[in-house]
Amino acid sequence: MRLFALRGSDRLGAAVASSLNVELDALEEREFSDGEHKSRPLVSVRGEDVFVLHTLHGGGQSAADRLTRLLFFIATCKENGAARVTAVTPYLAFMRKDQQTKPRDPVTSRYVAQLFDAVGTDMVVTVDVHNVAAFQNGFRHSTLLSLRNAFLPRIEALARGGRVVLLSPDTGGMRRVGLLQEAYAAHAHAPVGLAMMEKHRSGDVVTGELFAGDVEGAEVFVFDDMIASGGTMVRAAKACRERGARHVHAMATHGLMTTTSEVLFAPEIDTVTVSDSVPLSFEPGAFGKLEIVSCAPLLADAIQRLHAGGSIRRLLNPLP
């Protein structure tokens, strides 16, 4: 097995390698003055089961640049005789545009899947995509991981024995929150409430006031796949406060935040928890309410199972 991590994902790559008790394999990445680049493995990949880790956000590079670098490196490994190449992309960019909602809209998620196919990618591994159905339909050879189990101890610690309500900030996230509810109920052996906030977006205008669920006196956890500006989270938190929530906590797998993200400053939100699936552009310690959960153990376990022919289902659903 060979494990590579491209520049900008090397910190997470080192954590994954440590969990696997292996060393990252050496590679070269070279920049040219005109903005082009090249990369190549510095060890033989002929006949090897190759895993290339690169998350498609952060590090001062655009999502398009990071995607291009990953695709070129995969193609290089295939051209040099790799038996199998798996792209491990904890955050897979361009997945939000997964259907046509206006005339002549692109379906970008499908185009990205076609690009991975074009360079000979054998498998794409990612974590908590925006639309599961669109991802599974677009990516023919894929493994979708979920980090929800890693959030369970954090929820339990923040709840402090109080009544827990899990809230989806929009109708599209109810399936995601429902799976978290099942996992937390089994983990904590306690009832878990559900709530939902209506949201419609047209351009930059967000509407929808319908709120379903009882949050009075509860520890509310607003759960989503990603946080960028955090406006959706703040909107849901305000609605919870108006209805008597004791505390409101924002949680998401992918933290696409900057130091100006609204979620980090809103008084309605007590804590923010995200994973290290993308590198933050600032030190987490600068914001006392921010906590980071590592996705490295999950990725390492998935890589080991894929390499050895183990069960991903058992990884995601350890309980019978």
Protein backbone atom coordinates (compact mmCIF):
# COMPACT_ATOMS: atom_id res chain seq x y z
CA MET A 1 0.00 0.00 0.00
CA ARG A 2 1.13 3.57 -0.76
CA LEU A 3 -0.29 6.62 1.01
CA PHE A 4 0.26 10.15 -0.32
CA ALA A 5 -1.01 13.50 0.93
CA LEU A 6 -0.80 16.52 -1.35
CA ARG A 7 0.29 19.94 -0.15
CA GLY A 8 -2.36 21.63 1.95
CA SER A 9 -3.60 18.28 3.22
CA ASP A 10 -0.31 17.11 4.67
CA ARG A 11 -1.26 17.79 8.31
CA LEU A 12 -4.37 15.63 8.06
CA GLY A 13 -2.38 13.13 5.99
CA ALA A 14 0.20 12.83 8.77
CA ALA A 15 -2.57 12.20 11.31
CA VAL A 16 -4.08 9.49 9.08
CA ALA A 17 -0.67 7.88 8.58
CA SER A 18 -0.09 7.91 12.33
CA SER A 19 -3.43 6.18 12.90
CA LEU A 20 -2.41 3.56 10.34
CA ASN A 21 1.07 3.27 11.91
CA VAL A 22 2.72 3.96 8.55
CA GLU A 23 4.75 6.80 7.01
CA LEU A 24 3.44 9.06 4.28
CA ASP A 25 5.13 8.27 0.98
CA ALA A 26 7.32 10.92 -0.58
CA LEU A 27 6.20 13.07 -3.48
CA GLU A 28 7.37 16.15 -5.35
CA GLU A 29 5.20 19.17 -6.01
CA ARG A 30 6.71 21.88 -8.18
CA GLU A 31 5.33 25.30 -9.02
CA PHE A 32 6.04 27.16 -12.26
CA SER A 33 6.19 30.94 -12.60
CA ASP A 34 3.13 31.03 -14.86
CA GLY A 35 0.91 29.37 -12.27
CA GLU A 36 1.13 25.83 -13.62
CA HIS A 37 2.44 22.96 -11.54
CA LYS A 38 3.50 19.35 -11.62
CA SER A 39 3.56 16.60 -9.03
CA ARG A 40 4.90 13.06 -8.99
CA PRO A 41 5.47 10.23 -6.53
CA LEU A 42 9.09 9.79 -5.47
CA VAL A 43 8.62 6.06 -4.84
CA SER A 44 7.53 3.33 -7.23
CA VAL A 45 3.78 2.80 -7.46
CA ARG A 46 3.90 -0.06 -9.96
CA GLY A 47 1.49 -2.79 -8.88
CA GLU A 48 0.63 -0.89 -5.69
CA ASP A 49 -2.69 -0.10 -4.00
CA VAL A 50 -2.39 3.70 -3.90
CA PHE A 51 -4.36 6.09 -1.68
CA VAL A 52 -4.09 9.83 -2.39
CA LEU A 53 -5.43 12.13 0.33
CA HIS A 54 -6.36 15.67 -0.60
CA THR A 55 -9.23 17.74 0.74
CA LEU A 56 -10.66 20.24 -1.72
CA HIS A 57 -10.76 23.40 0.38
CA GLY A 58 -8.32 25.71 2.12
CA GLY A 59 -4.59 26.20 2.20
CA GLY A 60 -4.75 29.37 0.13
CA GLN A 61 -5.74 27.43 -2.99
CA SER A 62 -9.05 27.51 -4.82
CA ALA A 63 -11.24 24.41 -4.91
CA ALA A 64 -10.61 24.18 -8.67
CA ASP A 65 -6.82 24.29 -8.19
CA ARG A 66 -6.91 21.62 -5.49
CA LEU A 67 -9.14 19.41 -7.63
CA THR A 68 -6.83 19.77 -10.63
CA ARG A 69 -3.77 18.84 -8.57
CA LEU A 70 -5.52 15.75 -7.22
CA LEU A 71 -6.68 14.63 -10.67
CA PHE A 72 -3.23 15.10 -12.21
CA PHE A 73 -1.56 13.12 -9.42
CA ILE A 74 -4.05 10.26 -9.76
CA ALA A 75 -3.43 10.17 -13.53
CA THR A 76 0.32 10.11 -12.93
CA CYS A 77 0.03 7.14 -10.59
CA LYS A 78 -2.16 5.24 -13.05
CA GLU A 79 0.23 5.99 -15.93
CA ASN A 80 3.10 4.64 -13.87
CA GLY A 81 1.51 1.27 -13.23
CA ALA A 82 -0.48 1.60 -10.01
CA ALA A 83 -2.81 -1.39 -9.66
CA ARG A 84 -5.49 0.73 -8.00
CA VAL A 85 -5.76 4.41 -7.07
CA THR A 86 -8.22 5.66 -4.48
CA ALA A 87 -8.88 9.36 -4.03
CA VAL A 88 -9.48 10.16 -0.36
CA THR A 89 -11.17 13.57 -0.33
CA PRO A 90 -12.58 14.32 3.14
CA TYR A 91 -14.25 17.43 1.74
CA LEU A 92 -15.38 17.00 -1.87
CA ALA A 93 -15.98 20.40 -3.43
CA PHE A 94 -18.59 21.33 -6.05
CA MET A 95 -21.22 19.01 -4.57
CA ARG A 96 -23.75 21.70 -3.68
CA LYS A 97 -24.82 22.21 -7.29
CA ASP A 98 -26.34 18.76 -7.79
CA GLN A 99 -29.48 19.55 -9.79
CA GLN A 100 -30.92 22.06 -12.23
CA THR A 101 -33.03 24.60 -10.37
CA LYS A 102 -33.01 27.27 -13.08
CA PRO A 103 -32.91 27.11 -16.89
CA ARG A 104 -29.48 26.04 -18.23
CA ASP A 105 -28.12 25.39 -14.76
CA PRO A 106 -25.00 23.20 -14.53
CA VAL A 107 -25.01 19.93 -12.60
CA THR A 108 -21.49 20.40 -11.29
CA SER A 109 -21.41 17.36 -9.03
CA ARG A 110 -21.88 15.09 -12.05
CA TYR A 111 -19.15 16.85 -14.01
CA VAL A 112 -16.68 16.33 -11.16
CA ALA A 113 -17.55 12.62 -11.10
CA GLN A 114 -16.84 12.45 -14.82
CA LEU A 115 -13.43 14.07 -14.29
CA PHE A 116 -12.46 11.44 -11.71
CA ASP A 117 -13.54 8.73 -14.14
CA ALA A 118 -11.58 10.34 -16.98
CA VAL A 119 -8.22 10.08 -15.18
CA GLY A 120 -8.82 6.46 -14.18
CA THR A 121 -9.73 6.83 -10.51
CA ASP A 122 -10.76 3.45 -9.14
CA MET A 123 -12.52 4.72 -6.01
CA VAL A 124 -13.49 8.06 -4.48
CA VAL A 125 -13.77 8.20 -0.69
CA THR A 126 -15.35 11.23 0.95
CA VAL A 127 -17.15 12.27 4.14
CA ASP A 128 -20.67 13.66 4.64
CA VAL A 129 -21.58 15.09 1.24
CA HIS A 130 -24.32 17.67 0.76
CA ASN A 131 -26.71 15.36 -1.12
CA VAL A 132 -26.20 11.62 -0.62
CA ALA A 133 -28.47 10.52 -3.48
CA ALA A 134 -26.82 12.85 -5.99
CA PHE A 135 -23.37 11.68 -4.93
CA GLN A 136 -24.23 8.00 -5.17
CA ASN A 137 -25.89 8.47 -8.55
CA GLY A 138 -23.02 10.54 -9.97
CA PHE A 139 -20.01 8.64 -8.62
CA ARG A 140 -20.08 5.07 -9.87
CA HIS A 141 -17.20 3.78 -7.70
CA SER A 142 -17.36 5.50 -4.35
CA THR A 143 -17.34 5.09 -0.59
CA LEU A 144 -19.27 7.60 1.47
CA LEU A 145 -18.23 7.90 5.09
CA SER A 146 -20.04 9.68 7.91
CA LEU A 147 -18.45 11.35 10.91
CA ARG A 148 -21.62 11.40 13.00
CA ASN A 149 -20.31 8.83 15.52
CA ALA A 150 -17.34 11.08 16.28
CA PHE A 151 -19.72 13.84 17.41
CA LEU A 152 -21.56 11.67 19.94
CA PRO A 153 -19.15 12.13 22.91
CA ARG A 154 -19.11 15.87 22.28
CA ILE A 155 -22.92 16.07 22.30
CA GLU A 156 -23.06 14.04 25.51
CA ALA A 157 -20.48 16.26 27.23
CA LEU A 158 -22.21 19.50 26.20
CA ALA A 159 -25.67 18.23 27.16
CA ARG A 160 -24.61 17.62 30.77
CA GLY A 161 -27.55 15.34 31.33
CA GLY A 162 -30.07 17.80 29.93
CA ARG A 163 -32.76 17.07 27.37
CA VAL A 164 -31.19 16.82 23.90
CA VAL A 165 -32.88 18.05 20.74
CA LEU A 166 -31.21 17.69 17.34
CA LEU A 167 -32.25 20.29 14.79
CA SER A 168 -31.92 20.40 11.02
CA PRO A 169 -31.58 24.01 9.76
CA ASP A 170 -33.46 23.06 6.58
CA THR A 171 -35.78 20.35 5.32
CA GLY A 172 -33.09 18.77 3.16
CA GLY A 173 -31.00 17.86 6.20
CA MET A 174 -33.67 15.87 8.05
CA ARG A 175 -32.30 12.50 6.93
CA ARG A 176 -28.84 13.48 8.18
CA VAL A 177 -30.19 14.59 11.55
CA GLY A 178 -32.41 11.51 11.81
CA LEU A 179 -29.38 9.22 11.46
CA LEU A 180 -27.58 11.23 14.14
CA GLN A 181 -30.64 10.84 16.38
CA GLU A 182 -30.52 7.04 16.00
CA ALA A 183 -26.79 6.96 16.74
CA TYR A 184 -27.03 9.22 19.80
CA ALA A 185 -30.01 7.37 21.26
CA ALA A 186 -28.02 4.11 21.06
CA HIS A 187 -24.90 5.82 22.46
CA ALA A 188 -26.50 7.64 25.39
CA HIS A 189 -29.42 5.24 26.04
CA ALA A 190 -31.69 8.26 26.34
CA PRO A 191 -34.51 9.77 24.29
CA VAL A 192 -33.54 12.40 21.74
CA GLY A 193 -35.85 15.05 20.31
CA LEU A 194 -35.97 16.26 16.72
CA ALA A 195 -36.70 19.71 15.31
CA MET A 196 -36.57 21.40 11.92
CA MET A 197 -36.36 24.93 10.54
CA GLU A 198 -37.78 25.77 7.13
CA LYS A 199 -35.39 27.45 4.69
CA HIS A 200 -35.68 28.55 1.07
CA ARG A 201 -32.85 30.28 -0.77
CA SER A 202 -33.12 32.28 -3.98
CA GLY A 203 -29.88 34.04 -4.83
CA ASP A 204 -28.70 35.53 -1.54
CA VAL A 205 -32.20 35.85 -0.06
CA VAL A 206 -33.23 33.27 2.55
CA THR A 207 -36.90 32.87 3.51
CA GLY A 208 -39.06 30.45 5.48
CA GLU A 209 -40.41 30.77 9.01
CA LEU A 210 -41.89 27.35 9.72
CA PHE A 211 -40.42 25.76 12.85
CA ALA A 212 -41.29 22.23 13.96
CA GLY A 213 -40.28 20.74 17.31
CA ASP A 214 -40.20 21.44 21.04
CA VAL A 215 -36.92 23.05 22.16
CA GLU A 216 -38.05 24.78 25.35
CA GLY A 217 -35.47 24.18 28.10
CA ALA A 218 -33.46 21.87 25.85
CA GLU A 219 -29.84 21.58 24.80
CA VAL A 220 -30.25 22.09 21.05
CA PHE A 221 -27.67 20.87 18.54
CA VAL A 222 -28.03 22.36 15.06
CA PHE A 223 -26.39 19.83 12.75
CA ASP A 224 -25.41 20.25 9.10
CA ASP A 225 -22.84 18.96 6.61
CA MET A 226 -20.91 22.24 6.45
CA ILE A 227 -20.56 25.72 7.94
CA ALA A 228 -19.23 28.61 5.85
CA SER A 229 -20.52 32.02 6.94
CA GLY A 230 -22.81 30.27 9.39
CA GLY A 231 -25.82 32.44 8.56
CA THR A 232 -28.09 29.40 8.34
CA MET A 233 -26.92 28.21 11.75
CA VAL A 234 -27.41 31.63 13.33
CA ARG A 235 -30.89 31.91 11.84
CA ALA A 236 -31.87 28.55 13.35
CA ALA A 237 -30.25 29.44 16.69
CA LYS A 238 -32.26 32.65 16.95
CA ALA A 239 -35.48 30.72 16.33
CA CYS A 240 -34.51 28.25 19.07
CA ARG A 241 -33.76 31.03 21.56
CA GLU A 242 -37.12 32.64 20.84
CA ARG A 243 -38.74 29.31 21.72
CA GLY A 244 -36.93 28.91 25.03
CA ALA A 245 -33.90 26.74 24.22
CA ARG A 246 -31.46 26.55 27.13
CA HIS A 247 -28.33 26.41 24.96
CA VAL A 248 -27.74 26.15 21.21
CA HIS A 249 -24.72 24.39 19.75
CA ALA A 250 -23.70 24.45 16.08
CA MET A 251 -22.16 21.29 14.62
CA ALA A 252 -21.00 20.35 11.13
CA THR A 253 -18.51 18.01 9.55
CA HIS A 254 -16.85 20.59 7.30
CA GLY A 255 -15.77 23.95 8.70
CA LEU A 256 -15.32 26.28 5.72
CA MET A 257 -15.19 29.27 8.04
CA THR A 258 -13.03 32.38 8.10
CA THR A 259 -12.37 34.78 10.96
CA THR A 260 -15.37 36.83 9.84
CA SER A 261 -17.89 33.96 9.82
CA GLU A 262 -21.04 35.03 11.62
CA VAL A 263 -21.36 31.75 13.51
CA LEU A 264 -18.20 32.46 15.53
CA PHE A 265 -19.58 35.71 16.96
CA ALA A 266 -23.34 35.21 17.29
CA PRO A 267 -24.38 35.33 20.97
CA GLU A 268 -27.26 32.94 20.25
CA ILE A 269 -24.73 30.11 19.63
CA ASP A 270 -22.88 28.76 22.66
CA THR A 271 -20.41 26.42 20.95
CA VAL A 272 -19.29 25.50 17.42
CA THR A 273 -17.90 22.03 16.63
CA VAL A 274 -16.43 21.02 13.27
CA SER A 275 -13.95 18.41 12.10
CA ASP A 276 -10.47 18.82 10.64
CA SER A 277 -11.67 17.66 7.21
CA VAL A 278 -10.48 21.01 5.86
CA PRO A 279 -7.59 23.15 7.16
CA LEU A 280 -8.83 26.26 8.93
CA SER A 281 -7.36 29.60 7.87
CA PHE A 282 -6.87 30.56 11.52
CA GLU A 283 -5.91 28.97 14.84
CA PRO A 284 -8.96 27.37 16.52
CA GLY A 285 -7.78 28.64 19.90
CA ALA A 286 -8.54 32.18 18.78
CA PHE A 287 -12.22 31.43 19.37
CA GLY A 288 -13.09 29.91 22.73
CA LYS A 289 -16.40 28.50 21.53
CA LEU A 290 -14.77 26.49 18.69
CA GLU A 291 -13.88 22.79 19.09
CA ILE A 292 -12.30 20.48 16.51
CA VAL A 293 -13.11 16.77 16.14
CA SER A 294 -10.61 14.71 14.18
CA CYS A 295 -11.67 12.70 11.14
CA ALA A 296 -8.25 11.00 10.86
CA PRO A 297 -9.22 7.80 12.74
CA LEU A 298 -12.27 7.33 10.51
CA LEU A 299 -10.25 7.86 7.32
CA ALA A 300 -7.48 5.55 8.51
CA ASP A 301 -9.93 2.79 9.38
CA ALA A 302 -11.63 3.14 5.99
CA ILE A 303 -8.31 3.00 4.13
CA GLN A 304 -7.24 -0.10 6.04
CA ARG A 305 -10.56 -1.83 5.34
CA LEU A 306 -10.53 -0.92 1.65
CA HIS A 307 -6.96 -2.18 1.31
CA ALA A 308 -7.69 -5.45 3.11
CA GLY A 309 -11.17 -6.02 1.70
CA GLY A 310 -12.92 -5.28 5.00
CA SER A 311 -16.44 -4.01 5.62
CA ILE A 312 -17.17 -0.30 5.42
CA ARG A 313 -20.72 -0.97 6.61
CA ARG A 314 -19.38 -2.35 9.87
CA LEU A 315 -17.19 0.72 10.24
CA LEU A 316 -20.16 3.07 9.94
CA ASN A 317 -22.63 0.86 11.83
CA PRO A 318 -20.70 -0.94 14.57
CA LEU A 319 -23.89 -1.90 16.40
CA PRO A 320 -25.81 -4.96 15.12
